[in-house]
């Protein structure tokens, strides 16, 4: 009985409705980065760098979030 109770506690999900917003924000940052990289006449290097760092942070947060589901 004790082992069955422990197993059900280990299976609990950490899913929250905020997780969907995190994934949507990650996709939006990715789309923005692609649009910045495809600019023809002149590229804004500060915006590209900032977007890259933000995308890396959000992807890492999403990975950690999804692995907890």
C-alpha atoms as a PDB file:
ATOM      1  CA  UNK A   1       0.000   0.000   0.000  1.00  0.00           C
ATOM      2  CA  UNK A   2       2.807   2.385   0.862  1.00  0.00           C
ATOM      3  CA  UNK A   3       4.546   1.803  -2.506  1.00  0.00           C
ATOM      4  CA  UNK A   4       1.335   2.453  -4.447  1.00  0.00           C
ATOM      5  CA  UNK A   5       0.816   5.723  -2.602  1.00  0.00           C
ATOM      6  CA  UNK A   6       4.386   6.793  -3.336  1.00  0.00           C
ATOM      7  CA  UNK A   7       3.987   5.942  -7.024  1.00  0.00           C
ATOM      8  CA  UNK A   8       0.898   8.127  -7.399  1.00  0.00           C
ATOM      9  CA  UNK A   9       2.706  11.065  -5.837  1.00  0.00           C
ATOM     10  CA  UNK A  10       5.580  10.668  -8.288  1.00  0.00           C
ATOM     11  CA  UNK A  11       3.221  10.742 -11.291  1.00  0.00           C
ATOM     12  CA  UNK A  12       1.651  14.116 -10.407  1.00  0.00           C
ATOM     13  CA  UNK A  13       1.966  16.623 -13.221  1.00  0.00           C
ATOM     14  CA  UNK A  14       3.229  20.167 -12.810  1.00  0.00           C
ATOM     15  CA  UNK A  15       1.220  21.402 -15.800  1.00  0.00           C
ATOM     16  CA  UNK A  16      -0.197  24.906 -15.511  1.00  0.00           C
ATOM     17  CA  UNK A  17      -2.187  27.028 -17.956  1.00  0.00           C
ATOM     18  CA  UNK A  18       0.670  29.541 -17.913  1.00  0.00           C
ATOM     19  CA  UNK A  19       2.786  26.924 -19.732  1.00  0.00           C
ATOM     20  CA  UNK A  20       0.833  27.562 -22.948  1.00  0.00           C
ATOM     21  CA  UNK A  21       1.708  31.268 -22.781  1.00  0.00           C
ATOM     22  CA  UNK A  22       5.391  30.415 -22.326  1.00  0.00           C
ATOM     23  CA  UNK A  23       5.352  28.274 -25.471  1.00  0.00           C
ATOM     24  CA  UNK A  24       3.492  30.976 -27.440  1.00  0.00           C
ATOM     25  CA  UNK A  25       6.010  33.627 -26.325  1.00  0.00           C
ATOM     26  CA  UNK A  26       8.875  31.356 -27.380  1.00  0.00           C
ATOM     27  CA  UNK A  27       7.349  30.931 -30.839  1.00  0.00           C
ATOM     28  CA  UNK A  28       6.805  34.695 -31.165  1.00  0.00           C
ATOM     29  CA  UNK A  29      10.414  35.421 -30.197  1.00  0.00           C
ATOM     30  CA  UNK A  30      11.572  32.847 -32.765  1.00  0.00           C
ATOM     31  CA  UNK A  31       9.450  34.432 -35.497  1.00  0.00           C
ATOM     32  CA  UNK A  32      10.802  37.860 -34.584  1.00  0.00           C
ATOM     33  CA  UNK A  33      14.386  36.603 -34.725  1.00  0.00           C
ATOM     34  CA  UNK A  34      13.847  35.073 -38.163  1.00  0.00           C
ATOM     35  CA  UNK A  35      12.346  38.327 -39.433  1.00  0.00           C
ATOM     36  CA  UNK A  36      15.330  40.261 -38.061  1.00  0.00           C
ATOM     37  CA  UNK A  37      17.766  37.887 -39.746  1.00  0.00           C
ATOM     38  CA  UNK A  38      15.981  38.191 -43.109  1.00  0.00           C
ATOM     39  CA  UNK A  39      16.169  42.001 -43.222  1.00  0.00           C
ATOM     40  CA  UNK A  40      17.969  43.048 -46.384  1.00  0.00           C
ATOM     41  CA  UNK A  41      19.377  46.566 -46.367  1.00  0.00           C
ATOM     42  CA  UNK A  42      20.738  46.785 -42.844  1.00  0.00           C
ATOM     43  CA  UNK A  43      20.578  44.394 -39.907  1.00  0.00           C
ATOM     44  CA  UNK A  44      20.060  45.612 -36.359  1.00  0.00           C
ATOM     45  CA  UNK A  45      22.763  43.668 -34.533  1.00  0.00           C
ATOM     46  CA  UNK A  46      21.626  44.750 -31.060  1.00  0.00           C
ATOM     47  CA  UNK A  47      18.102  43.457 -31.694  1.00  0.00           C
ATOM     48  CA  UNK A  48      19.449  40.213 -33.160  1.00  0.00           C
ATOM     49  CA  UNK A  49      21.678  39.648 -30.129  1.00  0.00           C
ATOM     50  CA  UNK A  50      18.924  40.481 -27.655  1.00  0.00           C
ATOM     51  CA  UNK A  51      16.451  38.218 -29.456  1.00  0.00           C
ATOM     52  CA  UNK A  52      18.945  35.366 -29.587  1.00  0.00           C
ATOM     53  CA  UNK A  53      19.617  35.558 -25.848  1.00  0.00           C
ATOM     54  CA  UNK A  54      15.880  35.807 -25.075  1.00  0.00           C
ATOM     55  CA  UNK A  55      15.125  32.846 -27.350  1.00  0.00           C
ATOM     56  CA  UNK A  56      17.824  30.712 -25.706  1.00  0.00           C
ATOM     57  CA  UNK A  57      16.476  31.538 -22.239  1.00  0.00           C
ATOM     58  CA  UNK A  58      12.882  30.798 -23.246  1.00  0.00           C
ATOM     59  CA  UNK A  59      13.831  27.524 -24.969  1.00  0.00           C
ATOM     60  CA  UNK A  60      15.715  26.419 -21.852  1.00  0.00           C
ATOM     61  CA  UNK A  61      12.737  27.374 -19.660  1.00  0.00           C
ATOM     62  CA  UNK A  62      10.342  25.532 -21.982  1.00  0.00           C
ATOM     63  CA  UNK A  63      12.536  22.435 -21.945  1.00  0.00           C
ATOM     64  CA  UNK A  64      12.646  22.457 -18.153  1.00  0.00           C
ATOM     65  CA  UNK A  65       8.904  23.111 -17.992  1.00  0.00           C
ATOM     66  CA  UNK A  66       7.961  20.310 -20.403  1.00  0.00           C
ATOM     67  CA  UNK A  67      10.292  17.812 -18.743  1.00  0.00           C
ATOM     68  CA  UNK A  68       8.289  18.348 -15.537  1.00  0.00           C
ATOM     69  CA  UNK A  69       4.994  17.380 -17.155  1.00  0.00           C
END
